[in-house]
Amino acid sequence: MLEWILILLAVAAIAAMLGFGRLSGMALSGAKILVIIALVLFLLMLLGVFAIA
């Protein structure tokens, strides 16, 4: 999941430099959603509610 976040951030940065604002915004929104999902999963694992076997 971290790989996808970094890819989306790189796409957003490159698109912003090239002037594609809408594409940059969509990539950044996707990265934000994945960061939130990753944080929620991390907190659940930290509290022991969700365990990966």
Protein backbone atom coordinates (compact mmCIF):
# COMPACT_ATOMS: atom_id res chain seq x y z
CA MET A 1 0.00 0.00 0.00
CA LEU A 2 2.91 2.31 0.70
CA GLU A 3 4.12 1.74 -2.85
CA TRP A 4 0.78 2.89 -4.27
CA ILE A 5 0.82 5.99 -2.07
CA LEU A 6 4.29 6.94 -3.29
CA ILE A 7 3.32 6.31 -6.93
CA LEU A 8 0.24 8.50 -6.62
CA LEU A 9 2.23 11.27 -4.94
CA ALA A 10 4.82 11.15 -7.74
CA VAL A 11 2.07 11.27 -10.39
CA ALA A 12 0.47 14.23 -8.60
CA ALA A 13 3.77 16.11 -8.42
CA ILE A 14 4.63 15.50 -12.08
CA ALA A 15 1.11 16.37 -13.24
CA ALA A 16 1.19 19.58 -11.21
CA MET A 17 4.51 20.61 -12.76
CA LEU A 18 3.15 19.95 -16.24
CA GLY A 19 -0.02 21.94 -15.57
CA PHE A 20 -2.55 19.12 -15.32
CA GLY A 21 -4.39 20.38 -12.27
CA ARG A 22 -7.35 18.02 -12.44
CA LEU A 23 -5.17 14.93 -12.83
CA SER A 24 -2.94 16.13 -10.01
CA GLY A 25 -5.92 16.63 -7.75
CA MET A 26 -7.31 13.17 -8.46
CA ALA A 27 -3.95 11.50 -7.79
CA LEU A 28 -3.54 13.47 -4.57
CA SER A 29 -7.05 12.54 -3.44
CA GLY A 30 -6.31 8.88 -4.07
CA ALA A 31 -3.10 9.13 -2.08
CA LYS A 32 -4.95 10.78 0.80
CA ILE A 33 -7.56 8.02 0.86
CA LEU A 34 -4.86 5.33 0.89
CA VAL A 35 -3.01 7.11 3.71
CA ILE A 36 -6.20 7.20 5.79
CA ILE A 37 -6.85 3.48 5.12
CA ALA A 38 -3.25 2.62 6.04
CA LEU A 39 -3.47 4.63 9.28
CA VAL A 40 -6.76 3.00 10.27
CA LEU A 41 -5.35 -0.49 9.63
CA PHE A 42 -2.21 0.37 11.59
CA LEU A 43 -4.22 1.63 14.56
CA LEU A 44 -6.44 -1.46 14.51
CA MET A 45 -3.39 -3.73 14.48
CA LEU A 46 -1.80 -1.68 17.24
CA LEU A 47 -4.87 -2.11 19.43
CA GLY A 48 -5.11 -5.80 18.60
CA VAL A 49 -8.55 -5.57 17.05
CA PHE A 50 -7.37 -6.66 13.62
CA ALA A 51 -4.65 -9.30 13.37
CA ILE A 52 -2.88 -10.44 10.23
CA ALA A 53 -1.93 -14.07 10.59
